[in-house]
Amino acid sequence: MSIEKRVEATAKNIEGKIQEVVGELAGNPQQKAEGQAKQAEAQVSHTVENIKDEVKKIVE
C-alpha cells in the first residue's frame, strides 16, 4: 500500500467535498460538479490501491 497515494486521494476527496458544498451554497452547478468529479477521482485512487494490496497478498 502506498501511504502517499492514499493521503493524496483523501486530500482530493476532502477538497472535492468542500468544493461541492461551496458550489451548492453559491448556486454554481459547475463548481459543484467539479467537486463531485474530484471525489470520484479520489475513490478510483483508493480502489486502485486496494487492488494493489490484494494482488500483493496473493503473490506473497
N, C-alpha and C. Protein backbone atom coordinates (compact mmCIF):
# COMPACT_ATOMS: atom_id res chain seq x y z
N MET A 1 0.84 -1.18 0.00
CA MET A 1 0.00 0.00 0.00
C MET A 1 0.88 1.23 0.00
N SER A 2 0.54 2.14 -0.82
CA SER A 2 1.26 3.40 -0.88
C SER A 2 0.53 4.43 -0.01
N ILE A 3 1.12 4.70 1.13
CA ILE A 3 0.53 5.66 2.06
C ILE A 3 0.40 7.03 1.39
N GLU A 4 1.43 7.41 0.63
CA GLU A 4 1.40 8.72 -0.03
C GLU A 4 0.21 8.84 -0.97
N LYS A 5 -0.04 7.78 -1.73
CA LYS A 5 -1.17 7.80 -2.69
C LYS A 5 -2.50 7.90 -1.94
N ARG A 6 -2.60 7.19 -0.82
CA ARG A 6 -3.83 7.23 -0.04
C ARG A 6 -4.05 8.62 0.57
N VAL A 7 -2.99 9.23 1.04
CA VAL A 7 -3.09 10.58 1.62
C VAL A 7 -3.51 11.57 0.53
N GLU A 8 -2.91 11.45 -0.63
CA GLU A 8 -3.28 12.34 -1.75
C GLU A 8 -4.75 12.16 -2.12
N ALA A 9 -5.19 10.91 -2.19
CA ALA A 9 -6.59 10.64 -2.55
C ALA A 9 -7.54 11.17 -1.49
N THR A 10 -7.18 11.01 -0.22
CA THR A 10 -8.02 11.52 0.85
C THR A 10 -8.10 13.04 0.80
N ALA A 11 -6.97 13.68 0.56
CA ALA A 11 -6.96 15.14 0.45
C ALA A 11 -7.82 15.60 -0.72
N LYS A 12 -7.74 14.90 -1.84
CA LYS A 12 -8.54 15.26 -3.02
C LYS A 12 -10.03 15.06 -2.73
N ASN A 13 -10.35 14.01 -1.97
CA ASN A 13 -11.74 13.76 -1.61
C ASN A 13 -12.28 14.89 -0.74
N ILE A 14 -11.51 15.30 0.25
CA ILE A 14 -11.93 16.39 1.13
C ILE A 14 -12.09 17.69 0.34
N GLU A 15 -11.11 17.95 -0.51
CA GLU A 15 -11.18 19.15 -1.36
C GLU A 15 -12.44 19.12 -2.23
N GLY A 16 -12.73 17.95 -2.79
CA GLY A 16 -13.92 17.81 -3.63
C GLY A 16 -15.21 18.02 -2.86
N LYS A 17 -15.26 17.50 -1.63
CA LYS A 17 -16.46 17.69 -0.81
C LYS A 17 -16.68 19.16 -0.50
N ILE A 18 -15.59 19.84 -0.14
CA ILE A 18 -15.70 21.27 0.16
C ILE A 18 -16.16 22.03 -1.08
N GLN A 19 -15.56 21.73 -2.21
CA GLN A 19 -15.91 22.41 -3.45
C GLN A 19 -17.37 22.14 -3.82
N GLU A 20 -17.82 20.92 -3.60
CA GLU A 20 -19.22 20.59 -3.91
C GLU A 20 -20.17 21.40 -3.02
N VAL A 21 -19.87 21.49 -1.74
CA VAL A 21 -20.73 22.24 -0.81
C VAL A 21 -20.73 23.73 -1.16
N VAL A 22 -19.55 24.27 -1.45
CA VAL A 22 -19.47 25.69 -1.82
C VAL A 22 -20.27 25.94 -3.10
N GLY A 23 -20.14 25.04 -4.05
CA GLY A 23 -20.90 25.18 -5.29
C GLY A 23 -22.40 25.12 -5.05
N GLU A 24 -22.81 24.23 -4.14
CA GLU A 24 -24.23 24.12 -3.80
C GLU A 24 -24.72 25.40 -3.13
N LEU A 25 -23.96 25.89 -2.17
CA LEU A 25 -24.37 27.10 -1.45
C LEU A 25 -24.37 28.34 -2.34
N ALA A 26 -23.43 28.39 -3.27
CA ALA A 26 -23.32 29.54 -4.16
C ALA A 26 -24.24 29.43 -5.37
N GLY A 27 -24.88 28.29 -5.54
CA GLY A 27 -25.74 28.09 -6.70
C GLY A 27 -24.94 27.97 -7.98
N ASN A 28 -23.72 27.41 -7.86
CA ASN A 28 -22.84 27.26 -9.02
C ASN A 28 -22.75 25.78 -9.38
N PRO A 29 -23.55 25.32 -10.35
CA PRO A 29 -23.56 23.90 -10.69
C PRO A 29 -22.22 23.38 -11.24
N GLN A 30 -21.46 24.25 -11.91
CA GLN A 30 -20.17 23.81 -12.45
C GLN A 30 -19.20 23.50 -11.31
N GLN A 31 -19.15 24.36 -10.33
CA GLN A 31 -18.26 24.14 -9.19
C GLN A 31 -18.69 22.89 -8.43
N LYS A 32 -19.98 22.71 -8.26
CA LYS A 32 -20.49 21.52 -7.58
C LYS A 32 -20.08 20.26 -8.34
N ALA A 33 -20.23 20.28 -9.66
CA ALA A 33 -19.86 19.12 -10.48
C ALA A 33 -18.37 18.84 -10.43
N GLU A 34 -17.56 19.89 -10.41
CA GLU A 34 -16.11 19.69 -10.31
C GLU A 34 -15.75 19.05 -8.97
N GLY A 35 -16.43 19.45 -7.92
CA GLY A 35 -16.20 18.84 -6.61
C GLY A 35 -16.57 17.37 -6.61
N GLN A 36 -17.67 17.05 -7.24
CA GLN A 36 -18.10 15.65 -7.33
C GLN A 36 -17.11 14.84 -8.16
N ALA A 37 -16.57 15.44 -9.21
CA ALA A 37 -15.59 14.74 -10.04
C ALA A 37 -14.31 14.45 -9.25
N LYS A 38 -13.88 15.39 -8.43
CA LYS A 38 -12.70 15.17 -7.60
C LYS A 38 -12.93 14.03 -6.62
N GLN A 39 -14.14 13.97 -6.07
CA GLN A 39 -14.46 12.88 -5.15
C GLN A 39 -14.43 11.53 -5.87
N ALA A 40 -14.95 11.50 -7.08
CA ALA A 40 -14.94 10.26 -7.86
C ALA A 40 -13.51 9.84 -8.19
N GLU A 41 -12.69 10.80 -8.53
CA GLU A 41 -11.28 10.51 -8.83
C GLU A 41 -10.58 9.95 -7.60
N ALA A 42 -10.87 10.51 -6.44
CA ALA A 42 -10.28 10.02 -5.20
C ALA A 42 -10.72 8.59 -4.92
N GLN A 43 -11.98 8.29 -5.18
CA GLN A 43 -12.48 6.93 -4.96
C GLN A 43 -11.79 5.94 -5.88
N VAL A 44 -11.55 6.33 -7.11
CA VAL A 44 -10.83 5.46 -8.04
C VAL A 44 -9.42 5.20 -7.53
N SER A 45 -8.76 6.22 -7.03
CA SER A 45 -7.41 6.06 -6.49
C SER A 45 -7.40 5.09 -5.32
N HIS A 46 -8.38 5.21 -4.43
CA HIS A 46 -8.47 4.29 -3.30
C HIS A 46 -8.70 2.86 -3.78
N THR A 47 -9.55 2.70 -4.78
CA THR A 47 -9.84 1.37 -5.31
C THR A 47 -8.60 0.75 -5.93
N VAL A 48 -7.84 1.54 -6.67
CA VAL A 48 -6.60 1.04 -7.28
C VAL A 48 -5.64 0.58 -6.19
N GLU A 49 -5.50 1.36 -5.13
CA GLU A 49 -4.61 0.98 -4.05
C GLU A 49 -5.09 -0.30 -3.35
N ASN A 50 -6.41 -0.45 -3.21
CA ASN A 50 -6.96 -1.67 -2.61
C ASN A 50 -6.65 -2.89 -3.48
N ILE A 51 -6.78 -2.72 -4.78
CA ILE A 51 -6.47 -3.82 -5.70
C ILE A 51 -4.99 -4.18 -5.62
N LYS A 52 -4.14 -3.18 -5.58
CA LYS A 52 -2.70 -3.43 -5.45
C LYS A 52 -2.40 -4.23 -4.17
N ASP A 53 -3.06 -3.85 -3.08
CA ASP A 53 -2.86 -4.55 -1.81
C ASP A 53 -3.27 -6.01 -1.92
N GLU A 54 -4.41 -6.26 -2.56
CA GLU A 54 -4.90 -7.64 -2.69
C GLU A 54 -3.99 -8.47 -3.57
N VAL A 55 -3.52 -7.90 -4.66
CA VAL A 55 -2.60 -8.61 -5.56
C VAL A 55 -1.30 -8.94 -4.82
N LYS A 56 -0.82 -8.00 -4.04
CA LYS A 56 0.40 -8.21 -3.28
C LYS A 56 0.22 -9.36 -2.29
N LYS A 57 -0.93 -9.43 -1.64
CA LYS A 57 -1.22 -10.53 -0.71
C LYS A 57 -1.22 -11.87 -1.42
N ILE A 58 -1.81 -11.90 -2.60
CA ILE A 58 -1.89 -13.16 -3.36
C ILE A 58 -0.51 -13.61 -3.79
N VAL A 59 0.32 -12.68 -4.23
CA VAL A 59 1.66 -13.00 -4.71
C VAL A 59 2.54 -13.50 -3.57
N GLU A 60 2.37 -12.90 -2.40
CA GLU A 60 3.18 -13.29 -1.26
C GLU A 60 2.67 -14.61 -0.75
